[in-house]
Amino acid sequence: MDNKNKIAITYGRISEIKKICPLPELHPFFQWVYLGKNVPFSLKLEQLLGTSTKIKIGDLLQEIAKEFRQEYIDYIGELSLAAERLHPIGCWWLSSVSEKNPFISDVFLHFCYIKFCQRIIGNLSSDLFIVCETRALAQALLSNLSQSDKYTVWLADDSQVAVSGG
């Protein structure tokens, strides 16, 4: 029997999440976290999954954002200079990624979500269910978290097909 903790990642609407809950692959006392900005959706998840096992993200997410903010701004600045050299009249400036303001683009927020998950999984005492606001974030998490052999990670959907594992 595999003693590694399991991490299921999903995205979507409540009706879709209801189809895959409960997750038979996870221990009945799994923890869960919502990575998104949709407060009404988060409240519906709390009704579905309960609040006692929900991981609160606020403080650690703020700490991570503070830690990496300047590095992110510098990196986007470097990308901007490189894009300008390659294509002086290019489309870089039309993309939301070129924007250093985190209220315009979700790139920095998603980066912080990934860092958050990487930090909390080191202290996991149970299985984890991650609900993402977007498919892109779910896939980015799958890619980043699947690099360790300390836990098994997969993208859960209503067909319950395991996409990846560590």
N, C-alpha and C. Protein backbone atom coordinates (compact mmCIF):
# COMPACT_ATOMS: atom_id res chain seq x y z
N MET A 1 0.84 -1.19 0.00
CA MET A 1 0.00 0.00 0.00
C MET A 1 0.88 1.25 0.00
N ASP A 2 0.49 2.23 -0.76
CA ASP A 2 1.22 3.47 -0.90
C ASP A 2 0.92 4.38 0.28
N ASN A 3 1.96 4.74 1.05
CA ASN A 3 1.78 5.58 2.23
C ASN A 3 1.99 7.05 1.94
N LYS A 4 2.24 7.40 0.69
CA LYS A 4 2.45 8.81 0.36
C LYS A 4 1.14 9.57 0.47
N ASN A 5 1.25 10.84 0.91
CA ASN A 5 0.06 11.69 0.89
C ASN A 5 -0.37 11.91 -0.54
N LYS A 6 -1.65 12.13 -0.71
CA LYS A 6 -2.21 12.34 -2.05
C LYS A 6 -2.72 13.77 -2.16
N ILE A 7 -2.53 14.33 -3.35
CA ILE A 7 -2.99 15.69 -3.62
C ILE A 7 -3.84 15.65 -4.89
N ALA A 8 -5.11 15.95 -4.75
CA ALA A 8 -6.03 16.03 -5.89
C ALA A 8 -6.24 17.51 -6.20
N ILE A 9 -6.15 17.85 -7.48
CA ILE A 9 -6.33 19.23 -7.91
C ILE A 9 -7.51 19.27 -8.87
N THR A 10 -8.37 20.26 -8.71
CA THR A 10 -9.50 20.41 -9.62
C THR A 10 -9.82 21.88 -9.81
N TYR A 11 -10.75 22.13 -10.70
CA TYR A 11 -11.23 23.48 -11.00
C TYR A 11 -12.67 23.32 -11.46
N GLY A 12 -13.37 24.42 -11.58
CA GLY A 12 -14.69 24.32 -12.16
C GLY A 12 -15.80 24.85 -11.27
N ARG A 13 -17.00 24.45 -11.62
CA ARG A 13 -18.19 24.89 -10.91
C ARG A 13 -18.55 23.90 -9.80
N ILE A 14 -19.36 24.37 -8.87
CA ILE A 14 -19.80 23.53 -7.75
C ILE A 14 -20.46 22.25 -8.24
N SER A 15 -21.29 22.36 -9.28
CA SER A 15 -21.97 21.17 -9.79
C SER A 15 -20.97 20.12 -10.28
N GLU A 16 -19.87 20.58 -10.87
CA GLU A 16 -18.84 19.63 -11.32
C GLU A 16 -18.08 19.04 -10.15
N ILE A 17 -17.82 19.86 -9.15
CA ILE A 17 -17.07 19.38 -7.98
C ILE A 17 -17.92 18.39 -7.19
N LYS A 18 -19.23 18.61 -7.14
CA LYS A 18 -20.12 17.66 -6.45
C LYS A 18 -20.05 16.28 -7.09
N LYS A 19 -19.82 16.24 -8.42
CA LYS A 19 -19.75 14.95 -9.12
C LYS A 19 -18.55 14.13 -8.68
N ILE A 20 -17.48 14.79 -8.28
CA ILE A 20 -16.26 14.05 -7.91
C ILE A 20 -16.09 13.91 -6.40
N CYS A 21 -16.95 14.54 -5.62
CA CYS A 21 -16.86 14.43 -4.15
C CYS A 21 -17.85 13.38 -3.67
N PRO A 22 -17.55 12.56 -2.70
CA PRO A 22 -16.24 12.52 -2.07
C PRO A 22 -15.22 11.85 -2.98
N LEU A 23 -13.98 12.21 -2.79
CA LEU A 23 -12.90 11.63 -3.59
C LEU A 23 -12.46 10.32 -2.95
N PRO A 24 -12.77 9.19 -3.57
CA PRO A 24 -12.44 7.91 -2.94
C PRO A 24 -10.93 7.70 -2.79
N GLU A 25 -10.13 8.39 -3.60
CA GLU A 25 -8.68 8.24 -3.53
C GLU A 25 -8.10 8.92 -2.29
N LEU A 26 -8.80 9.89 -1.73
CA LEU A 26 -8.30 10.64 -0.59
C LEU A 26 -8.78 10.04 0.72
N HIS A 27 -7.98 10.20 1.74
CA HIS A 27 -8.38 9.79 3.09
C HIS A 27 -9.64 10.58 3.46
N PRO A 28 -10.57 9.99 4.20
CA PRO A 28 -11.81 10.71 4.54
C PRO A 28 -11.59 12.02 5.29
N PHE A 29 -10.45 12.17 5.95
CA PHE A 29 -10.18 13.40 6.71
C PHE A 29 -9.17 14.28 5.98
N PHE A 30 -9.35 14.46 4.69
CA PHE A 30 -8.43 15.29 3.91
C PHE A 30 -8.61 16.77 4.23
N GLN A 31 -7.55 17.54 3.99
CA GLN A 31 -7.63 18.99 4.10
C GLN A 31 -7.91 19.54 2.71
N TRP A 32 -8.41 20.77 2.64
CA TRP A 32 -8.68 21.35 1.33
C TRP A 32 -8.37 22.84 1.35
N VAL A 33 -8.14 23.37 0.15
CA VAL A 33 -7.85 24.79 0.00
C VAL A 33 -8.46 25.28 -1.31
N TYR A 34 -8.96 26.49 -1.29
CA TYR A 34 -9.48 27.13 -2.50
C TYR A 34 -8.50 28.21 -2.93
N LEU A 35 -8.10 28.16 -4.18
CA LEU A 35 -7.19 29.15 -4.75
C LEU A 35 -7.95 29.94 -5.81
N GLY A 36 -8.50 31.06 -5.39
CA GLY A 36 -9.27 31.88 -6.30
C GLY A 36 -9.78 33.13 -5.60
N LYS A 37 -10.41 34.00 -6.39
CA LYS A 37 -10.90 35.28 -5.87
C LYS A 37 -12.42 35.34 -5.75
N ASN A 38 -13.10 34.29 -6.15
CA ASN A 38 -14.56 34.27 -6.18
C ASN A 38 -15.11 33.91 -4.79
N VAL A 39 -15.48 34.91 -4.03
CA VAL A 39 -15.94 34.71 -2.64
C VAL A 39 -17.23 33.87 -2.58
N PRO A 40 -18.27 34.17 -3.40
CA PRO A 40 -19.47 33.32 -3.34
C PRO A 40 -19.16 31.84 -3.62
N PHE A 41 -18.26 31.59 -4.56
CA PHE A 41 -17.86 30.21 -4.87
C PHE A 41 -17.17 29.58 -3.67
N SER A 42 -16.30 30.34 -3.02
CA SER A 42 -15.59 29.86 -1.84
C SER A 42 -16.57 29.48 -0.73
N LEU A 43 -17.60 30.30 -0.55
CA LEU A 43 -18.60 30.01 0.49
C LEU A 43 -19.39 28.74 0.15
N LYS A 44 -19.68 28.53 -1.13
CA LYS A 44 -20.37 27.29 -1.54
C LYS A 44 -19.48 26.07 -1.30
N LEU A 45 -18.17 26.25 -1.55
CA LEU A 45 -17.24 25.15 -1.27
C LEU A 45 -17.23 24.81 0.22
N GLU A 46 -17.27 25.84 1.05
CA GLU A 46 -17.31 25.61 2.49
C GLU A 46 -18.55 24.81 2.89
N GLN A 47 -19.67 25.11 2.26
CA GLN A 47 -20.90 24.35 2.54
C GLN A 47 -20.74 22.90 2.10
N LEU A 48 -20.08 22.69 0.97
CA LEU A 48 -19.90 21.34 0.42
C LEU A 48 -18.85 20.54 1.18
N LEU A 49 -17.71 21.17 1.48
CA LEU A 49 -16.57 20.45 2.03
C LEU A 49 -16.36 20.66 3.53
N GLY A 50 -17.04 21.65 4.10
CA GLY A 50 -16.89 21.95 5.52
C GLY A 50 -15.75 22.94 5.76
N THR A 51 -15.77 23.55 6.93
CA THR A 51 -14.76 24.56 7.25
C THR A 51 -13.67 24.03 8.17
N SER A 52 -13.92 22.92 8.85
CA SER A 52 -12.95 22.45 9.85
C SER A 52 -11.65 21.97 9.22
N THR A 53 -11.69 21.53 7.97
CA THR A 53 -10.47 21.03 7.33
C THR A 53 -9.96 21.98 6.24
N LYS A 54 -10.58 23.15 6.15
CA LYS A 54 -10.14 24.14 5.16
C LYS A 54 -8.84 24.79 5.62
N ILE A 55 -7.89 24.91 4.71
CA ILE A 55 -6.63 25.58 5.01
C ILE A 55 -6.80 27.06 4.70
N LYS A 56 -6.53 27.88 5.68
CA LYS A 56 -6.61 29.34 5.51
C LYS A 56 -5.35 29.80 4.78
N ILE A 57 -5.53 30.63 3.75
CA ILE A 57 -4.37 31.01 2.93
C ILE A 57 -3.88 32.43 3.17
N GLY A 58 -4.69 33.28 3.79
CA GLY A 58 -4.43 34.71 3.84
C GLY A 58 -3.05 35.13 4.31
N ASP A 59 -2.66 34.74 5.51
CA ASP A 59 -1.40 35.21 6.08
C ASP A 59 -0.19 34.72 5.29
N LEU A 60 -0.14 33.43 5.00
CA LEU A 60 1.01 32.89 4.27
C LEU A 60 1.07 33.44 2.85
N LEU A 61 -0.07 33.60 2.21
CA LEU A 61 -0.09 34.16 0.86
C LEU A 61 0.46 35.59 0.86
N GLN A 62 0.07 36.39 1.85
CA GLN A 62 0.59 37.75 1.96
C GLN A 62 2.10 37.75 2.20
N GLU A 63 2.56 36.84 3.02
CA GLU A 63 3.99 36.71 3.30
C GLU A 63 4.76 36.37 2.02
N ILE A 64 4.23 35.44 1.25
CA ILE A 64 4.87 35.05 0.00
C ILE A 64 4.88 36.20 -1.00
N ALA A 65 3.76 36.90 -1.10
CA ALA A 65 3.68 38.04 -2.02
C ALA A 65 4.70 39.11 -1.65
N LYS A 66 4.82 39.36 -0.38
CA LYS A 66 5.80 40.36 0.09
C LYS A 66 7.22 39.90 -0.22
N GLU A 67 7.48 38.63 -0.02
CA GLU A 67 8.81 38.06 -0.25
C GLU A 67 9.24 38.14 -1.72
N PHE A 68 8.31 37.90 -2.63
CA PHE A 68 8.66 37.79 -4.05
C PHE A 68 8.26 38.99 -4.91
N ARG A 69 7.60 39.98 -4.34
CA ARG A 69 7.08 41.10 -5.12
C ARG A 69 8.16 41.82 -5.94
N GLN A 70 9.24 42.23 -5.30
CA GLN A 70 10.27 42.98 -6.01
C GLN A 70 10.95 42.11 -7.07
N GLU A 71 11.18 40.87 -6.73
CA GLU A 71 11.78 39.94 -7.69
C GLU A 71 10.90 39.79 -8.92
N TYR A 72 9.58 39.72 -8.72
CA TYR A 72 8.63 39.62 -9.82
C TYR A 72 8.66 40.89 -10.69
N ILE A 73 8.64 42.04 -10.04
CA ILE A 73 8.67 43.31 -10.78
C ILE A 73 9.95 43.41 -11.61
N ASP A 74 11.08 43.04 -11.01
CA ASP A 74 12.35 43.06 -11.75
C ASP A 74 12.33 42.09 -12.92
N TYR A 75 11.77 40.92 -12.71
CA TYR A 75 11.70 39.91 -13.77
C TYR A 75 10.84 40.40 -14.94
N ILE A 76 9.69 40.97 -14.65
CA ILE A 76 8.82 41.50 -15.71
C ILE A 76 9.54 42.63 -16.43
N GLY A 77 10.28 43.45 -15.70
CA GLY A 77 11.07 44.51 -16.31
C GLY A 77 12.11 43.96 -17.28
N GLU A 78 12.79 42.88 -16.88
CA GLU A 78 13.77 42.24 -17.75
C GLU A 78 13.10 41.66 -18.99
N LEU A 79 11.96 41.02 -18.80
CA LEU A 79 11.22 40.49 -19.95
C LEU A 79 10.80 41.61 -20.90
N SER A 80 10.40 42.73 -20.34
CA SER A 80 9.99 43.87 -21.15
C SER A 80 11.14 44.38 -21.99
N LEU A 81 12.32 44.49 -21.40
CA LEU A 81 13.50 44.94 -22.14
C LEU A 81 13.88 43.95 -23.24
N ALA A 82 13.82 42.67 -22.92
CA ALA A 82 14.14 41.64 -23.92
C ALA A 82 13.13 41.67 -25.06
N ALA A 83 11.87 41.82 -24.73
CA ALA A 83 10.83 41.88 -25.77
C ALA A 83 11.02 43.10 -26.65
N GLU A 84 11.40 44.21 -26.06
CA GLU A 84 11.62 45.45 -26.82
C GLU A 84 12.80 45.29 -27.78
N ARG A 85 13.85 44.60 -27.34
CA ARG A 85 15.02 44.38 -28.21
C ARG A 85 14.67 43.46 -29.38
N LEU A 86 13.88 42.43 -29.11
CA LEU A 86 13.53 41.47 -30.15
C LEU A 86 12.50 42.02 -31.14
N HIS A 87 11.52 42.71 -30.62
CA HIS A 87 10.42 43.23 -31.44
C HIS A 87 10.08 44.65 -30.99
N PRO A 88 10.80 45.64 -31.55
CA PRO A 88 10.58 47.02 -31.10
C PRO A 88 9.13 47.49 -31.15
N ILE A 89 8.35 46.96 -32.07
CA ILE A 89 6.94 47.33 -32.14
C ILE A 89 6.10 46.07 -31.95
N GLY A 90 6.50 45.26 -30.99
CA GLY A 90 5.85 43.97 -30.77
C GLY A 90 4.58 44.06 -29.96
N CYS A 91 4.01 42.90 -29.72
CA CYS A 91 2.73 42.79 -29.01
C CYS A 91 2.91 42.64 -27.51
N TRP A 92 4.15 42.56 -27.02
CA TRP A 92 4.40 42.37 -25.60
C TRP A 92 3.61 43.35 -24.74
N TRP A 93 3.62 44.63 -25.15
CA TRP A 93 2.99 45.66 -24.34
C TRP A 93 1.47 45.56 -24.37
N LEU A 94 0.93 44.77 -25.28
CA LEU A 94 -0.51 44.57 -25.34
C LEU A 94 -0.97 43.42 -24.43
N SER A 95 -0.01 42.64 -23.94
CA SER A 95 -0.37 41.50 -23.09
C SER A 95 -0.53 41.94 -21.64
N SER A 96 -1.36 41.22 -20.92
CA SER A 96 -1.55 41.55 -19.50
C SER A 96 -0.32 41.16 -18.68
N VAL A 97 0.49 40.24 -19.18
CA VAL A 97 1.69 39.81 -18.46
C VAL A 97 2.68 40.96 -18.34
N SER A 98 2.73 41.84 -19.33
CA SER A 98 3.67 42.96 -19.29
C SER A 98 3.34 43.94 -18.17
N GLU A 99 2.14 43.87 -17.65
CA GLU A 99 1.69 44.77 -16.59
C GLU A 99 2.25 44.31 -15.24
N LYS A 100 2.94 45.19 -14.56
CA LYS A 100 3.52 44.86 -13.25
C LYS A 100 2.50 45.00 -12.13
N ASN A 101 1.36 45.58 -12.42
CA ASN A 101 0.33 45.79 -11.41
C ASN A 101 -0.44 44.48 -11.19
N PRO A 102 -0.39 43.93 -9.97
CA PRO A 102 -1.07 42.66 -9.72
C PRO A 102 -2.59 42.72 -9.80
N PHE A 103 -3.16 43.94 -9.87
CA PHE A 103 -4.61 44.05 -10.01
C PHE A 103 -5.05 43.94 -11.47
N ILE A 104 -4.10 44.04 -12.39
CA ILE A 104 -4.40 43.94 -13.82
C ILE A 104 -4.22 42.50 -14.30
N SER A 105 -3.15 41.86 -13.87
CA SER A 105 -2.82 40.51 -14.30
C SER A 105 -2.80 39.57 -13.11
N ASP A 106 -3.24 38.33 -13.32
CA ASP A 106 -3.23 37.33 -12.25
C ASP A 106 -1.95 36.51 -12.22
N VAL A 107 -0.99 36.84 -13.06
CA VAL A 107 0.25 36.05 -13.13
C VAL A 107 0.94 36.00 -11.77
N PHE A 108 1.11 37.14 -11.13
CA PHE A 108 1.79 37.16 -9.83
C PHE A 108 0.98 36.41 -8.77
N LEU A 109 -0.32 36.59 -8.77
CA LEU A 109 -1.17 35.88 -7.82
C LEU A 109 -1.04 34.37 -8.01
N HIS A 110 -1.07 33.91 -9.25
CA HIS A 110 -0.94 32.47 -9.52
C HIS A 110 0.43 31.96 -9.11
N PHE A 111 1.47 32.75 -9.35
CA PHE A 111 2.81 32.40 -8.89
C PHE A 111 2.80 32.22 -7.36
N CYS A 112 2.16 33.15 -6.66
CA CYS A 112 2.08 33.08 -5.20
C CYS A 112 1.28 31.86 -4.75
N TYR A 113 0.21 31.52 -5.45
CA TYR A 113 -0.56 30.31 -5.13
C TYR A 113 0.33 29.06 -5.24
N ILE A 114 1.13 28.99 -6.29
CA ILE A 114 2.01 27.84 -6.49
C ILE A 114 3.03 27.76 -5.35
N LYS A 115 3.64 28.90 -5.01
CA LYS A 115 4.60 28.93 -3.90
C LYS A 115 3.91 28.53 -2.58
N PHE A 116 2.69 29.01 -2.38
CA PHE A 116 1.91 28.65 -1.19
C PHE A 116 1.77 27.14 -1.09
N CYS A 117 1.33 26.51 -2.18
CA CYS A 117 1.13 25.05 -2.17
C CYS A 117 2.44 24.31 -1.95
N GLN A 118 3.50 24.78 -2.57
CA GLN A 118 4.80 24.13 -2.36
C GLN A 118 5.21 24.19 -0.90
N ARG A 119 4.89 25.26 -0.22
CA ARG A 119 5.25 25.39 1.20
C ARG A 119 4.37 24.52 2.10
N ILE A 120 3.07 24.52 1.85
CA ILE A 120 2.20 23.78 2.78
C ILE A 120 2.32 22.27 2.62
N ILE A 121 2.66 21.79 1.44
CA ILE A 121 2.72 20.33 1.28
C ILE A 121 3.88 19.72 2.04
N GLY A 122 4.86 20.53 2.37
CA GLY A 122 5.96 20.02 3.17
C GLY A 122 5.54 19.66 4.59
N ASN A 123 4.44 20.24 5.04
CA ASN A 123 3.95 20.00 6.40
C ASN A 123 2.64 19.24 6.42
N LEU A 124 2.28 18.61 5.32
CA LEU A 124 0.99 17.91 5.26
C LEU A 124 0.96 16.71 6.19
N SER A 125 -0.11 16.62 6.94
CA SER A 125 -0.30 15.44 7.78
C SER A 125 -1.46 14.59 7.26
N SER A 126 -2.06 15.05 6.16
CA SER A 126 -3.17 14.31 5.56
C SER A 126 -3.17 14.58 4.06
N ASP A 127 -4.11 13.97 3.37
CA ASP A 127 -4.26 14.22 1.95
C ASP A 127 -4.79 15.64 1.74
N LEU A 128 -4.64 16.14 0.51
CA LEU A 128 -5.01 17.52 0.22
C LEU A 128 -5.85 17.58 -1.06
N PHE A 129 -6.91 18.37 -1.00
CA PHE A 129 -7.77 18.63 -2.14
C PHE A 129 -7.65 20.11 -2.46
N ILE A 130 -7.14 20.44 -3.65
CA ILE A 130 -6.94 21.83 -4.06
C ILE A 130 -7.98 22.17 -5.12
N VAL A 131 -8.77 23.20 -4.85
CA VAL A 131 -9.77 23.67 -5.81
C VAL A 131 -9.27 25.00 -6.37
N CYS A 132 -9.10 25.05 -7.67
CA CYS A 132 -8.59 26.24 -8.34
C CYS A 132 -9.70 26.97 -9.08
N GLU A 133 -9.51 28.27 -9.21
CA GLU A 133 -10.49 29.08 -9.92
C GLU A 133 -10.44 28.83 -11.43
N THR A 134 -9.25 28.50 -11.94
CA THR A 134 -9.11 28.31 -13.40
C THR A 134 -8.41 27.00 -13.73
N ARG A 135 -8.68 26.53 -14.91
CA ARG A 135 -8.01 25.32 -15.40
C ARG A 135 -6.51 25.56 -15.55
N ALA A 136 -6.13 26.76 -16.03
CA ALA A 136 -4.71 27.08 -16.22
C ALA A 136 -3.94 26.97 -14.90
N LEU A 137 -4.52 27.49 -13.83
CA LEU A 137 -3.87 27.39 -12.52
C LEU A 137 -3.77 25.94 -12.08
N ALA A 138 -4.83 25.17 -12.27
CA ALA A 138 -4.82 23.75 -11.89
C ALA A 138 -3.71 23.01 -12.63
N GLN A 139 -3.57 23.28 -13.92
CA GLN A 139 -2.53 22.61 -14.70
C GLN A 139 -1.13 23.07 -14.29
N ALA A 140 -0.98 24.36 -13.97
CA ALA A 140 0.32 24.86 -13.51
C ALA A 140 0.69 24.21 -12.17
N LEU A 141 -0.28 24.07 -11.28
CA LEU A 141 -0.03 23.40 -10.00
C LEU A 141 0.34 21.94 -10.21
N LEU A 142 -0.38 21.27 -11.08
CA LEU A 142 -0.08 19.87 -11.38
C LEU A 142 1.36 19.73 -11.86
N SER A 143 1.75 20.60 -12.76
CA SER A 143 3.11 20.56 -13.31
C SER A 143 4.15 20.81 -12.22
N ASN A 144 3.92 21.79 -11.36
CA ASN A 144 4.89 22.14 -10.33
C ASN A 144 4.93 21.16 -9.16
N LEU A 145 3.79 20.64 -8.77
CA LEU A 145 3.74 19.74 -7.61
C LEU A 145 4.08 18.30 -7.95
N SER A 146 3.99 17.94 -9.21
CA SER A 146 4.26 16.56 -9.63
C SER A 146 5.75 16.24 -9.67
N GLN A 147 6.57 17.23 -9.40
CA GLN A 147 8.02 17.03 -9.49
C GLN A 147 8.62 16.33 -8.28
N SER A 148 7.83 16.07 -7.27
CA SER A 148 8.33 15.40 -6.07
C SER A 148 7.78 13.98 -5.99
N ASP A 149 8.58 13.09 -5.42
CA ASP A 149 8.10 11.72 -5.24
C ASP A 149 7.61 11.48 -3.81
N LYS A 150 7.43 12.57 -3.05
CA LYS A 150 6.97 12.46 -1.66
C LYS A 150 5.46 12.32 -1.56
N TYR A 151 4.75 12.64 -2.63
CA TYR A 151 3.30 12.56 -2.64
C TYR A 151 2.83 12.27 -4.05
N THR A 152 1.59 11.83 -4.16
CA THR A 152 0.98 11.54 -5.45
C THR A 152 0.04 12.68 -5.80
N VAL A 153 0.19 13.21 -7.00
CA VAL A 153 -0.60 14.37 -7.43
C VAL A 153 -1.34 14.02 -8.72
N TRP A 154 -2.61 14.43 -8.80
CA TRP A 154 -3.34 14.24 -10.03
C TRP A 154 -4.39 15.32 -10.19
N LEU A 155 -4.82 15.49 -11.44
CA LEU A 155 -5.89 16.42 -11.77
C LEU A 155 -7.19 15.63 -11.73
N ALA A 156 -8.04 15.96 -10.76
CA ALA A 156 -9.31 15.26 -10.59
C ALA A 156 -10.38 15.98 -11.40
N ASP A 157 -11.14 15.22 -12.13
CA ASP A 157 -12.29 15.80 -12.83
C ASP A 157 -13.45 14.83 -12.71
N ASP A 158 -14.56 15.14 -13.37
CA ASP A 158 -15.73 14.29 -13.17
C ASP A 158 -15.59 12.90 -13.78
N SER A 159 -14.53 12.69 -14.57
CA SER A 159 -14.30 11.34 -15.09
C SER A 159 -13.35 10.56 -14.19
N GLN A 160 -12.75 11.25 -13.16
CA GLN A 160 -11.86 10.63 -12.19
C GLN A 160 -10.68 9.91 -12.86
N VAL A 161 -10.14 10.52 -13.91
CA VAL A 161 -8.98 9.95 -14.56
C VAL A 161 -7.74 10.59 -13.97
N ALA A 162 -6.82 9.78 -13.48
CA ALA A 162 -5.57 10.32 -12.94
C ALA A 162 -4.71 10.78 -14.11
N VAL A 163 -4.31 12.03 -14.07
CA VAL A 163 -3.52 12.61 -15.15
C VAL A 163 -2.03 12.46 -14.88
N SER A 164 -1.62 12.59 -13.63
CA SER A 164 -0.20 12.54 -13.32
C SER A 164 0.01 12.08 -11.89
N GLY A 165 1.14 11.53 -11.64
CA GLY A 165 1.48 11.15 -10.28
C GLY A 165 2.97 11.27 -10.07
N GLY A 166 3.34 11.47 -8.80
CA GLY A 166 4.76 11.63 -8.49
C GLY A 166 5.43 10.33 -8.26
